[in-house]
Amino acid sequence: MQPDTPPPMNFQELCAGVALPENLTVELAALLEEKSRSKEVGEGPRIAAIDTFLADEFAWARGATSQRAAPSENLRTQADTLFRSIVKPANDSDA
């Protein structure tokens, strides 16, 4: 613990770029205020708004990743064809 060292990220700036539910924003602000006055030792009670938000985000992520299309069996061939179509014109101009 290094109380005189700034945190590795500015959490307030990070949150400013995201539309979060108001109840979550209030709870996060309260938690950050409490953390700024403490030495971050021990544990506190769980915060329902944060737990719910994280559970919902993880559920969304699981659903989003499970809906991805399976990679094509000839993906390597497609990638090779794309690469050659990009590289060949560059080499043709050198000839």
C-alpha atoms as a PDB file:
ATOM      1  CA  MET A   1       0.000   0.000   0.000  1.00  0.00           C
ATOM      2  CA  GLN A   2       1.317   3.352  -1.053  1.00  0.00           C
ATOM      3  CA  PRO A   3      -1.037   6.118   0.112  1.00  0.00           C
ATOM      4  CA  ASP A   4       1.049   8.843  -1.561  1.00  0.00           C
ATOM      5  CA  THR A   5       1.055   7.118  -4.955  1.00  0.00           C
ATOM      6  CA  PRO A   6      -1.769   7.941  -7.385  1.00  0.00           C
ATOM      7  CA  PRO A   7      -3.955   5.035  -8.486  1.00  0.00           C
ATOM      8  CA  PRO A   8      -3.031   3.294 -11.758  1.00  0.00           C
ATOM      9  CA  MET A   9      -6.061   4.852 -13.495  1.00  0.00           C
ATOM     10  CA  ASN A  10      -8.419   7.755 -13.029  1.00  0.00           C
ATOM     11  CA  PHE A  11     -11.629   5.894 -12.321  1.00  0.00           C
ATOM     12  CA  GLN A  12     -13.751   9.043 -12.483  1.00  0.00           C
ATOM     13  CA  GLU A  13     -12.500   9.787 -16.027  1.00  0.00           C
ATOM     14  CA  LEU A  14     -13.056   6.173 -17.005  1.00  0.00           C
ATOM     15  CA  CYS A  15     -16.668   6.293 -15.787  1.00  0.00           C
ATOM     16  CA  ALA A  16     -17.296   9.697 -17.397  1.00  0.00           C
ATOM     17  CA  GLY A  17     -17.098   8.126 -20.840  1.00  0.00           C
ATOM     18  CA  VAL A  18     -19.760   5.509 -20.115  1.00  0.00           C
ATOM     19  CA  ALA A  19     -23.507   5.733 -19.555  1.00  0.00           C
ATOM     20  CA  LEU A  20     -23.988   4.017 -16.191  1.00  0.00           C
ATOM     21  CA  PRO A  21     -27.204   3.637 -14.216  1.00  0.00           C
ATOM     22  CA  GLU A  22     -27.608   6.474 -11.706  1.00  0.00           C
ATOM     23  CA  ASN A  23     -27.809   4.142  -8.692  1.00  0.00           C
ATOM     24  CA  LEU A  24     -24.499   2.579  -9.741  1.00  0.00           C
ATOM     25  CA  THR A  25     -22.867   5.983 -10.195  1.00  0.00           C
ATOM     26  CA  VAL A  26     -23.969   7.011  -6.689  1.00  0.00           C
ATOM     27  CA  GLU A  27     -22.635   3.791  -5.151  1.00  0.00           C
ATOM     28  CA  LEU A  28     -19.336   4.040  -7.026  1.00  0.00           C
ATOM     29  CA  ALA A  29     -18.851   7.651  -5.932  1.00  0.00           C
ATOM     30  CA  ALA A  30     -19.500   6.678  -2.310  1.00  0.00           C
ATOM     31  CA  LEU A  31     -17.084   3.748  -2.560  1.00  0.00           C
ATOM     32  CA  LEU A  32     -14.353   5.893  -4.119  1.00  0.00           C
ATOM     33  CA  GLU A  33     -14.815   8.530  -1.425  1.00  0.00           C
ATOM     34  CA  GLU A  34     -14.529   5.886   1.293  1.00  0.00           C
ATOM     35  CA  LYS A  35     -11.462   4.346  -0.366  1.00  0.00           C
ATOM     36  CA  SER A  36      -9.788   7.761  -0.581  1.00  0.00           C
ATOM     37  CA  ARG A  37     -10.048   8.116   3.215  1.00  0.00           C
ATOM     38  CA  SER A  38      -8.889   4.606   4.094  1.00  0.00           C
ATOM     39  CA  LYS A  39      -5.750   2.532   3.758  1.00  0.00           C
ATOM     40  CA  GLU A  40      -7.623  -0.184   1.847  1.00  0.00           C
ATOM     41  CA  VAL A  41      -7.146  -2.878   4.441  1.00  0.00           C
ATOM     42  CA  GLY A  42      -9.823  -5.405   5.179  1.00  0.00           C
ATOM     43  CA  GLU A  43     -13.146  -5.924   3.504  1.00  0.00           C
ATOM     44  CA  GLY A  44     -16.451  -4.148   3.517  1.00  0.00           C
ATOM     45  CA  PRO A  45     -19.964  -5.270   2.781  1.00  0.00           C
ATOM     46  CA  ARG A  46     -20.879  -6.127  -0.789  1.00  0.00           C
ATOM     47  CA  ILE A  47     -22.695  -3.401  -2.698  1.00  0.00           C
ATOM     48  CA  ALA A  48     -25.808  -4.728  -4.428  1.00  0.00           C
ATOM     49  CA  ALA A  49     -25.830  -2.146  -7.253  1.00  0.00           C
ATOM     50  CA  ILE A  50     -22.238  -3.009  -8.203  1.00  0.00           C
ATOM     51  CA  ASP A  51     -22.816  -6.763  -7.894  1.00  0.00           C
ATOM     52  CA  THR A  52     -25.936  -6.556 -10.083  1.00  0.00           C
ATOM     53  CA  PHE A  53     -24.214  -4.426 -12.704  1.00  0.00           C
ATOM     54  CA  LEU A  54     -21.233  -6.790 -12.929  1.00  0.00           C
ATOM     55  CA  ALA A  55     -23.441  -9.886 -13.088  1.00  0.00           C
ATOM     56  CA  ASP A  56     -25.504  -8.308 -15.889  1.00  0.00           C
ATOM     57  CA  GLU A  57     -22.380  -7.302 -17.844  1.00  0.00           C
ATOM     58  CA  PHE A  58     -20.840 -10.772 -17.530  1.00  0.00           C
ATOM     59  CA  ALA A  59     -24.144 -12.370 -18.612  1.00  0.00           C
ATOM     60  CA  TRP A  60     -24.252 -10.064 -21.648  1.00  0.00           C
ATOM     61  CA  ALA A  61     -20.631 -10.925 -22.511  1.00  0.00           C
ATOM     62  CA  ARG A  62     -21.290 -14.661 -22.247  1.00  0.00           C
ATOM     63  CA  GLY A  63     -24.285 -14.306 -24.549  1.00  0.00           C
ATOM     64  CA  ALA A  64     -22.408 -12.128 -27.025  1.00  0.00           C
ATOM     65  CA  THR A  65     -19.493 -14.525 -27.278  1.00  0.00           C
ATOM     66  CA  SER A  66     -21.685 -17.613 -27.562  1.00  0.00           C
ATOM     67  CA  GLN A  67     -23.409 -16.118 -30.617  1.00  0.00           C
ATOM     68  CA  ARG A  68     -20.213 -15.730 -32.612  1.00  0.00           C
ATOM     69  CA  ALA A  69     -20.077 -17.678 -35.810  1.00  0.00           C
ATOM     70  CA  ALA A  70     -17.722 -20.619 -35.809  1.00  0.00           C
ATOM     71  CA  PRO A  71     -14.537 -19.853 -37.710  1.00  0.00           C
ATOM     72  CA  SER A  72     -14.560 -20.975 -41.297  1.00  0.00           C
ATOM     73  CA  GLU A  73     -12.585 -24.136 -41.987  1.00  0.00           C
ATOM     74  CA  ASN A  74     -10.811 -22.408 -44.837  1.00  0.00           C
ATOM     75  CA  LEU A  75      -9.970 -19.297 -42.824  1.00  0.00           C
ATOM     76  CA  ARG A  76      -6.257 -19.741 -43.503  1.00  0.00           C
ATOM     77  CA  THR A  77      -6.897 -19.886 -47.258  1.00  0.00           C
ATOM     78  CA  GLN A  78      -9.080 -16.764 -47.085  1.00  0.00           C
ATOM     79  CA  ALA A  79      -6.441 -14.906 -45.074  1.00  0.00           C
ATOM     80  CA  ASP A  80      -3.715 -15.980 -47.492  1.00  0.00           C
ATOM     81  CA  THR A  81      -5.777 -14.805 -50.477  1.00  0.00           C
ATOM     82  CA  LEU A  82      -6.393 -11.426 -48.822  1.00  0.00           C
ATOM     83  CA  PHE A  83      -2.720 -11.040 -47.929  1.00  0.00           C
ATOM     84  CA  ARG A  84      -1.620 -11.875 -51.477  1.00  0.00           C
ATOM     85  CA  SER A  85      -4.149  -9.443 -52.964  1.00  0.00           C
ATOM     86  CA  ILE A  86      -2.684  -6.663 -50.834  1.00  0.00           C
ATOM     87  CA  VAL A  87       0.993  -7.557 -51.271  1.00  0.00           C
ATOM     88  CA  LYS A  88       0.943  -8.439 -54.971  1.00  0.00           C
ATOM     89  CA  PRO A  89      -0.032  -4.950 -56.192  1.00  0.00           C
ATOM     90  CA  ALA A  90       2.823  -3.477 -54.168  1.00  0.00           C
ATOM     91  CA  ASN A  91       5.292  -5.919 -55.702  1.00  0.00           C
ATOM     92  CA  ASP A  92       3.921  -5.359 -59.241  1.00  0.00           C
ATOM     93  CA  SER A  93       4.827  -1.676 -59.062  1.00  0.00           C
ATOM     94  CA  ASP A  94       8.462  -2.598 -58.323  1.00  0.00           C
ATOM     95  CA  ALA A  95       8.757  -4.755 -61.461  1.00  0.00           C
END
